[in-house]
PDB file of N, CA and C in Angstrom:
ATOM      1  N   MET A   1      11.918  -1.092   4.322  1.00  0.00           N
ATOM      2  CA  MET A   1      11.190  -1.945   3.436  1.00  0.00           C
ATOM      3  C   MET A   1       9.714  -1.599   3.539  1.00  0.00           C
ATOM      4  N   PHE A   2       9.003  -1.818   2.435  1.00  0.00           N
ATOM      5  CA  PHE A   2       7.578  -1.500   2.393  1.00  0.00           C
ATOM      6  C   PHE A   2       6.796  -2.731   1.946  1.00  0.00           C
ATOM      7  N   HIS A   3       5.553  -2.804   2.391  1.00  0.00           N
ATOM      8  CA  HIS A   3       4.676  -3.897   1.979  1.00  0.00           C
ATOM      9  C   HIS A   3       3.262  -3.347   1.824  1.00  0.00           C
ATOM     10  N   GLY A   4       2.605  -3.730   0.732  1.00  0.00           N
ATOM     11  CA  GLY A   4       1.219  -3.358   0.502  1.00  0.00           C
ATOM     12  C   GLY A   4       0.384  -4.600   0.270  1.00  0.00           C
ATOM     13  N   GLY A   5      -0.794  -4.643   0.847  1.00  0.00           N
ATOM     14  CA  GLY A   5      -1.643  -5.819   0.726  1.00  0.00           C
ATOM     15  C   GLY A   5      -2.938  -5.550  -0.016  1.00  0.00           C
ATOM     16  N   PRO A   6      -3.660  -6.600  -0.382  1.00  0.00           N
ATOM     17  CA  PRO A   6      -4.913  -6.444  -1.111  1.00  0.00           C
ATOM     18  C   PRO A   6      -6.015  -5.780  -0.282  1.00  0.00           C
ATOM     19  N   ASP A   7      -5.853  -5.763   1.038  1.00  0.00           N
ATOM     20  CA  ASP A   7      -6.851  -5.121   1.894  1.00  0.00           C
ATOM     21  C   ASP A   7      -6.611  -3.626   2.057  1.00  0.00           C
ATOM     22  N   GLY A   8      -5.541  -3.090   1.446  1.00  0.00           N
ATOM     23  CA  GLY A   8      -5.241  -1.660   1.527  1.00  0.00           C
ATOM     24  C   GLY A   8      -4.230  -1.287   2.574  1.00  0.00           C
ATOM     25  N   THR A   9      -3.702  -2.257   3.316  1.00  0.00           N
ATOM     26  CA  THR A   9      -2.695  -1.959   4.323  1.00  0.00           C
ATOM     27  C   THR A   9      -1.353  -1.713   3.646  1.00  0.00           C
ATOM     28  N   PHE A  10      -0.765  -0.564   3.951  1.00  0.00           N
ATOM     29  CA  PHE A  10       0.549  -0.195   3.439  1.00  0.00           C
ATOM     30  C   PHE A  10       1.432   0.053   4.649  1.00  0.00           C
ATOM     31  N   SER A  11       2.526  -0.709   4.756  1.00  0.00           N
ATOM     32  CA  SER A  11       3.359  -0.673   5.951  1.00  0.00           C
ATOM     33  C   SER A  11       4.820  -0.462   5.602  1.00  0.00           C
ATOM     34  N   ALA A  12       5.542   0.161   6.538  1.00  0.00           N
ATOM     35  CA  ALA A  12       6.987   0.338   6.428  1.00  0.00           C
ATOM     36  C   ALA A  12       7.647  -0.455   7.550  1.00  0.00           C
ATOM     37  N   TYR A  13       8.766  -1.113   7.208  1.00  0.00           N
ATOM     38  CA  TYR A  13       9.484  -1.937   8.170  1.00  0.00           C
ATOM     39  C   TYR A  13      10.948  -1.532   8.219  1.00  0.00           C
ATOM     40  N   ASP A  14      11.546  -1.659   9.389  1.00  0.00           N
ATOM     41  CA  ASP A  14      12.976  -1.449   9.544  1.00  0.00           C
ATOM     42  C   ASP A  14      13.689  -2.582   8.805  1.00  0.00           C
ATOM     43  N   ALA A  15      14.604  -2.272   7.920  1.00  0.00           N
ATOM     44  CA  ALA A  15      15.268  -3.277   7.090  1.00  0.00           C
ATOM     45  C   ALA A  15      16.162  -4.219   7.896  1.00  0.00           C
ATOM     46  N   LYS A  16      16.638  -3.785   9.033  1.00  0.00           N
ATOM     47  CA  LYS A  16      17.525  -4.642   9.834  1.00  0.00           C
ATOM     48  C   LYS A  16      16.759  -5.510  10.815  1.00  0.00           C
ATOM     49  N   THR A  17      15.773  -4.944  11.491  1.00  0.00           N
ATOM     50  CA  THR A  17      15.063  -5.680  12.542  1.00  0.00           C
ATOM     51  C   THR A  17      13.730  -6.253  12.065  1.00  0.00           C
ATOM     52  N   LEU A  18      13.239  -5.788  10.924  1.00  0.00           N
ATOM     53  CA  LEU A  18      11.929  -6.154  10.374  1.00  0.00           C
ATOM     54  C   LEU A  18      10.767  -5.729  11.269  1.00  0.00           C
ATOM     55  N   GLU A  19      11.029  -4.803  12.188  1.00  0.00           N
ATOM     56  CA  GLU A  19       9.958  -4.252  13.014  1.00  0.00           C
ATOM     57  C   GLU A  19       9.142  -3.275  12.188  1.00  0.00           C
ATOM     58  N   GLU A  20       7.833  -3.294  12.390  1.00  0.00           N
ATOM     59  CA  GLU A  20       6.972  -2.348  11.684  1.00  0.00           C
ATOM     60  C   GLU A  20       7.217  -0.948  12.232  1.00  0.00           C
ATOM     61  N   VAL A  21       7.490  -0.007  11.319  1.00  0.00           N
ATOM     62  CA  VAL A  21       7.750   1.375  11.712  1.00  0.00           C
ATOM     63  C   VAL A  21       6.458   2.179  11.681  1.00  0.00           C
ATOM     64  N   TRP A  22       5.665   2.002  10.627  1.00  0.00           N
ATOM     65  CA  TRP A  22       4.354   2.630  10.539  1.00  0.00           C
ATOM     66  C   TRP A  22       3.485   1.851   9.572  1.00  0.00           C
ATOM     67  N   SER A  23       2.179   2.079   9.676  1.00  0.00           N
ATOM     68  CA  SER A  23       1.232   1.383   8.821  1.00  0.00           C
ATOM     69  C   SER A  23      -0.016   2.240   8.670  1.00  0.00           C
ATOM     70  N   ILE A  24      -0.637   2.131   7.503  1.00  0.00           N
ATOM     71  CA  ILE A  24      -1.880   2.857   7.240  1.00  0.00           C
ATOM     72  C   ILE A  24      -2.732   1.980   6.321  1.00  0.00           C
ATOM     73  N   ASN A  25      -4.038   2.054   6.487  1.00  0.00           N
ATOM     74  CA  ASN A  25      -4.922   1.362   5.561  1.00  0.00           C
ATOM     75  C   ASN A  25      -5.538   2.424   4.662  1.00  0.00           C
ATOM     76  N   ILE A  26      -5.241   2.341   3.359  1.00  0.00           N
ATOM     77  CA  ILE A  26      -5.709   3.358   2.424  1.00  0.00           C
ATOM     78  C   ILE A  26      -7.031   2.981   1.769  1.00  0.00           C
ATOM     79  N   GLY A  27      -7.599   1.826   2.140  1.00  0.00           N
ATOM     80  CA  GLY A  27      -8.947   1.482   1.722  1.00  0.00           C
ATOM     81  C   GLY A  27      -9.076   0.797   0.376  1.00  0.00           C
ATOM     82  N   THR A  28      -7.967   0.496  -0.256  1.00  0.00           N
ATOM     83  CA  THR A  28      -7.999  -0.214  -1.529  1.00  0.00           C
ATOM     84  C   THR A  28      -6.683  -0.939  -1.719  1.00  0.00           C
ATOM     85  N   GLY A  29      -6.705  -1.995  -2.482  1.00  0.00           N
ATOM     86  CA  GLY A  29      -5.516  -2.818  -2.644  1.00  0.00           C
ATOM     87  C   GLY A  29      -4.357  -2.098  -3.314  1.00  0.00           C
ATOM     88  N   ILE A  30      -3.167  -2.446  -2.892  1.00  0.00           N
ATOM     89  CA  ILE A  30      -1.943  -1.901  -3.485  1.00  0.00           C
ATOM     90  C   ILE A  30      -1.676  -2.696  -4.764  1.00  0.00           C
ATOM     91  N   ASN A  31      -1.421  -2.002  -5.876  1.00  0.00           N
ATOM     92  CA  ASN A  31      -1.227  -2.740  -7.129  1.00  0.00           C
ATOM     93  C   ASN A  31       0.073  -2.422  -7.846  1.00  0.00           C
ATOM     94  N   ALA A  32       1.034  -1.854  -7.140  1.00  0.00           N
ATOM     95  CA  ALA A  32       2.340  -1.575  -7.746  1.00  0.00           C
ATOM     96  C   ALA A  32       3.373  -1.489  -6.632  1.00  0.00           C
ATOM     97  N   PRO A  33       4.634  -1.728  -6.966  1.00  0.00           N
ATOM     98  CA  PRO A  33       5.673  -1.574  -5.948  1.00  0.00           C
ATOM     99  C   PRO A  33       5.837  -0.101  -5.567  1.00  0.00           C
ATOM    100  N   PRO A  34       6.161   0.172  -4.310  1.00  0.00           N
ATOM    101  CA  PRO A  34       6.393   1.561  -3.909  1.00  0.00           C
ATOM    102  C   PRO A  34       7.701   2.089  -4.476  1.00  0.00           C
ATOM    103  N   VAL A  35       7.793   3.421  -4.576  1.00  0.00           N
ATOM    104  CA  VAL A  35       8.996   4.095  -5.050  1.00  0.00           C
ATOM    105  C   VAL A  35       9.356   5.153  -4.021  1.00  0.00           C
ATOM    106  N   THR A  36      10.631   5.280  -3.724  1.00  0.00           N
ATOM    107  CA  THR A  36      11.063   6.360  -2.833  1.00  0.00           C
ATOM    108  C   THR A  36      11.853   7.386  -3.630  1.00  0.00           C
ATOM    109  N   PHE A  37      11.751   8.632  -3.185  1.00  0.00           N
ATOM    110  CA  PHE A  37      12.460   9.727  -3.846  1.00  0.00           C
ATOM    111  C   PHE A  37      12.612  10.860  -2.850  1.00  0.00           C
ATOM    112  N   SER A  38      13.460  11.812  -3.174  1.00  0.00           N
ATOM    113  CA  SER A  38      13.616  12.968  -2.289  1.00  0.00           C
ATOM    114  C   SER A  38      13.487  14.253  -3.086  1.00  0.00           C
ATOM    115  N   VAL A  39      12.961  15.272  -2.408  1.00  0.00           N
ATOM    116  CA  VAL A  39      12.819  16.610  -2.976  1.00  0.00           C
ATOM    117  C   VAL A  39      13.367  17.583  -1.942  1.00  0.00           C
ATOM    118  N   ASN A  40      14.385  18.333  -2.334  1.00  0.00           N
ATOM    119  CA  ASN A  40      15.020  19.303  -1.433  1.00  0.00           C
ATOM    120  C   ASN A  40      15.416  18.667  -0.102  1.00  0.00           C
ATOM    121  N   GLY A  41      15.898  17.436  -0.163  1.00  0.00           N
ATOM    122  CA  GLY A  41      16.373  16.758   1.038  1.00  0.00           C
ATOM    123  C   GLY A  41      15.311  16.045   1.846  1.00  0.00           C
ATOM    124  N   LYS A  42      14.049  16.153   1.477  1.00  0.00           N
ATOM    125  CA  LYS A  42      12.976  15.452   2.195  1.00  0.00           C
ATOM    126  C   LYS A  42      12.635  14.172   1.447  1.00  0.00           C
ATOM    127  N   GLN A  43      12.575  13.053   2.189  1.00  0.00           N
ATOM    128  CA  GLN A  43      12.318  11.734   1.601  1.00  0.00           C
ATOM    129  C   GLN A  43      10.816  11.460   1.534  1.00  0.00           C
ATOM    130  N   PHE A  44      10.391  10.853   0.422  1.00  0.00           N
ATOM    131  CA  PHE A  44       8.990  10.482   0.208  1.00  0.00           C
ATOM    132  C   PHE A  44       8.915   9.045  -0.286  1.00  0.00           C
ATOM    133  N   VAL A  45       7.747   8.431  -0.101  1.00  0.00           N
ATOM    134  CA  VAL A  45       7.453   7.131  -0.709  1.00  0.00           C
ATOM    135  C   VAL A  45       6.103   7.268  -1.406  1.00  0.00           C
ATOM    136  N   ALA A  46       6.023   6.759  -2.631  1.00  0.00           N
ATOM    137  CA  ALA A  46       4.786   6.818  -3.415  1.00  0.00           C
ATOM    138  C   ALA A  46       4.386   5.400  -3.800  1.00  0.00           C
ATOM    139  N   VAL A  47       3.082   5.150  -3.827  1.00  0.00           N
ATOM    140  CA  VAL A  47       2.579   3.834  -4.212  1.00  0.00           C
ATOM    141  C   VAL A  47       1.250   4.001  -4.946  1.00  0.00           C
ATOM    142  N   LEU A  48       1.083   3.212  -5.993  1.00  0.00           N
ATOM    143  CA  LEU A  48      -0.150   3.221  -6.769  1.00  0.00           C
ATOM    144  C   LEU A  48      -1.105   2.200  -6.166  1.00  0.00           C
ATOM    145  N   ALA A  49      -2.351   2.599  -5.983  1.00  0.00           N
ATOM    146  CA  ALA A  49      -3.349   1.719  -5.379  1.00  0.00           C
ATOM    147  C   ALA A  49      -4.649   1.802  -6.178  1.00  0.00           C
ATOM    148  N   GLY A  50      -5.545   0.882  -5.870  1.00  0.00           N
ATOM    149  CA  GLY A  50      -6.846   0.862  -6.531  1.00  0.00           C
ATOM    150  C   GLY A  50      -7.068  -0.398  -7.325  1.00  0.00           C
ATOM    151  N   SER A  51      -6.574  -1.496  -6.807  1.00  0.00           N
ATOM    152  CA  SER A  51      -6.666  -2.739  -7.570  1.00  0.00           C
ATOM    153  C   SER A  51      -8.062  -3.344  -7.539  1.00  0.00           C
ATOM    154  N   ARG A  52      -8.424  -3.921  -8.646  1.00  0.00           N
ATOM    155  CA  ARG A  52      -9.671  -4.671  -8.735  1.00  0.00           C
ATOM    156  C   ARG A  52      -9.434  -6.000  -8.043  1.00  0.00           C
ATOM    157  N   GLN A  53     -10.385  -6.399  -7.225  1.00  0.00           N
ATOM    158  CA  GLN A  53     -10.232  -7.654  -6.499  1.00  0.00           C
ATOM    159  C   GLN A  53     -10.682  -8.821  -7.372  1.00  0.00           C
ATOM    160  N   TYR A  54      -9.819  -9.783  -7.541  1.00  0.00           N
ATOM    161  CA  TYR A  54     -10.131 -10.948  -8.352  1.00  0.00           C
ATOM    162  C   TYR A  54     -11.016 -11.920  -7.576  1.00  0.00           C
ATOM    163  N   ASN A  55     -11.784 -12.728  -8.292  1.00  0.00           N
ATOM    164  CA  ASN A  55     -12.729 -13.650  -7.657  1.00  0.00           C
ATOM    165  C   ASN A  55     -12.059 -14.580  -6.654  1.00  0.00           C
ATOM    166  N   TYR A  56     -10.864 -15.061  -6.962  1.00  0.00           N
ATOM    167  CA  TYR A  56     -10.223 -15.979  -6.022  1.00  0.00           C
ATOM    168  C   TYR A  56      -9.892 -15.274  -4.704  1.00  0.00           C
ATOM    169  N   ILE A  57      -9.597 -13.974  -4.764  1.00  0.00           N
ATOM    170  CA  ILE A  57      -9.350 -13.221  -3.533  1.00  0.00           C
ATOM    171  C   ILE A  57     -10.664 -12.990  -2.797  1.00  0.00           C
ATOM    172  N   LEU A  58     -11.711 -12.623  -3.530  1.00  0.00           N
ATOM    173  CA  LEU A  58     -13.009 -12.382  -2.901  1.00  0.00           C
ATOM    174  C   LEU A  58     -13.567 -13.643  -2.259  1.00  0.00           C
ATOM    175  N   ASN A  59     -13.280 -14.809  -2.825  1.00  0.00           N
ATOM    176  CA  ASN A  59     -13.725 -16.056  -2.206  1.00  0.00           C
ATOM    177  C   ASN A  59     -13.058 -16.273  -0.860  1.00  0.00           C
ATOM    178  N   LEU A  60     -11.808 -15.836  -0.731  1.00  0.00           N
ATOM    179  CA  LEU A  60     -11.068 -15.989   0.519  1.00  0.00           C
ATOM    180  C   LEU A  60     -11.326 -14.844   1.494  1.00  0.00           C
ATOM    181  N   ALA A  61     -11.634 -13.660   0.967  1.00  0.00           N
ATOM    182  CA  ALA A  61     -11.829 -12.468   1.807  1.00  0.00           C
ATOM    183  C   ALA A  61     -13.000 -11.642   1.270  1.00  0.00           C
ATOM    184  N   PRO A  62     -14.235 -12.079   1.483  1.00  0.00           N
ATOM    185  CA  PRO A  62     -15.395 -11.375   0.933  1.00  0.00           C
ATOM    186  C   PRO A  62     -15.532  -9.934   1.420  1.00  0.00           C
ATOM    187  N   GLU A  63     -14.889  -9.584   2.542  1.00  0.00           N
ATOM    188  CA  GLU A  63     -14.967  -8.206   3.051  1.00  0.00           C
ATOM    189  C   GLU A  63     -14.305  -7.204   2.118  1.00  0.00           C
ATOM    190  N   LEU A  64     -13.504  -7.680   1.158  1.00  0.00           N
ATOM    191  CA  LEU A  64     -12.835  -6.793   0.212  1.00  0.00           C
ATOM    192  C   LEU A  64     -13.713  -6.418  -0.973  1.00  0.00           C
ATOM    193  N   LYS A  65     -14.937  -6.938  -1.008  1.00  0.00           N
ATOM    194  CA  LYS A  65     -15.828  -6.726  -2.156  1.00  0.00           C
ATOM    195  C   LYS A  65     -16.065  -5.247  -2.455  1.00  0.00           C
ATOM    196  N   TYR A  66     -16.130  -4.413  -1.442  1.00  0.00           N
ATOM    197  CA  TYR A  66     -16.501  -3.013  -1.646  1.00  0.00           C
ATOM    198  C   TYR A  66     -15.318  -2.046  -1.582  1.00  0.00           C
ATOM    199  N   THR A  67     -14.092  -2.547  -1.725  1.00  0.00           N
ATOM    200  CA  THR A  67     -12.961  -1.626  -1.761  1.00  0.00           C
ATOM    201  C   THR A  67     -12.950  -0.890  -3.096  1.00  0.00           C
ATOM    202  N   SER A  68     -12.416   0.301  -3.087  1.00  0.00           N
ATOM    203  CA  SER A  68     -12.381   1.141  -4.282  1.00  0.00           C
ATOM    204  C   SER A  68     -11.505   0.520  -5.363  1.00  0.00           C
ATOM    205  N   THR A  69     -11.913   0.685  -6.615  1.00  0.00           N
ATOM    206  CA  THR A  69     -11.104   0.188  -7.727  1.00  0.00           C
ATOM    207  C   THR A  69     -10.517   1.323  -8.558  1.00  0.00           C
ATOM    208  N   ALA A  70     -10.736   2.559  -8.157  1.00  0.00           N
ATOM    209  CA  ALA A  70     -10.169   3.706  -8.879  1.00  0.00           C
ATOM    210  C   ALA A  70      -8.660   3.751  -8.648  1.00  0.00           C
ATOM    211  N   SER A  71      -7.888   3.993  -9.689  1.00  0.00           N
ATOM    212  CA  SER A  71      -6.432   4.107  -9.535  1.00  0.00           C
ATOM    213  C   SER A  71      -6.089   5.419  -8.850  1.00  0.00           C
ATOM    214  N   MET A  72      -5.294   5.326  -7.791  1.00  0.00           N
ATOM    215  CA  MET A  72      -4.910   6.499  -7.010  1.00  0.00           C
ATOM    216  C   MET A  72      -3.435   6.415  -6.670  1.00  0.00           C
ATOM    217  N   LEU A  73      -2.768   7.541  -6.662  1.00  0.00           N
ATOM    218  CA  LEU A  73      -1.370   7.598  -6.262  1.00  0.00           C
ATOM    219  C   LEU A  73      -1.309   8.207  -4.862  1.00  0.00           C
ATOM    220  N   PHE A  74      -0.733   7.472  -3.928  1.00  0.00           N
ATOM    221  CA  PHE A  74      -0.557   7.952  -2.560  1.00  0.00           C
ATOM    222  C   PHE A  74       0.903   8.271  -2.345  1.00  0.00           C
ATOM    223  N   VAL A  75       1.185   9.442  -1.775  1.00  0.00           N
ATOM    224  CA  VAL A  75       2.550   9.871  -1.509  1.00  0.00           C
ATOM    225  C   VAL A  75       2.639  10.237  -0.035  1.00  0.00           C
ATOM    226  N   PHE A  76       3.638   9.679   0.652  1.00  0.00           N
ATOM    227  CA  PHE A  76       3.827   9.905   2.074  1.00  0.00           C
ATOM    228  C   PHE A  76       5.205  10.507   2.308  1.00  0.00           C
ATOM    229  N   GLY A  77       5.279  11.528   3.144  1.00  0.00           N
ATOM    230  CA  GLY A  77       6.555  12.094   3.566  1.00  0.00           C
ATOM    231  C   GLY A  77       7.115  11.247   4.681  1.00  0.00           C
ATOM    232  N   LEU A  78       8.409  10.994   4.628  1.00  0.00           N
ATOM    233  CA  LEU A  78       9.022  10.148   5.668  1.00  0.00           C
ATOM    234  C   LEU A  78       9.793  10.975   6.658  1.00  0.00           C
TER     235      LEU A  78
END
């Protein structure tokens, strides 16, 4: 399972135990569900990021004010 947050944290969890397997902060909010795919037997996960932070989020987390808003596609090999 995967989870992306408005602070840029993108994490993978074991589906049975819910233990975090890995995590990375990509510096901008995740704005789409991740997709997994394989190429020549190698598994990948891709996620679109670069969300604009809405005022209600900035009121709760002002540290997110300077995160990037450019749309970017991140792809990770698993």
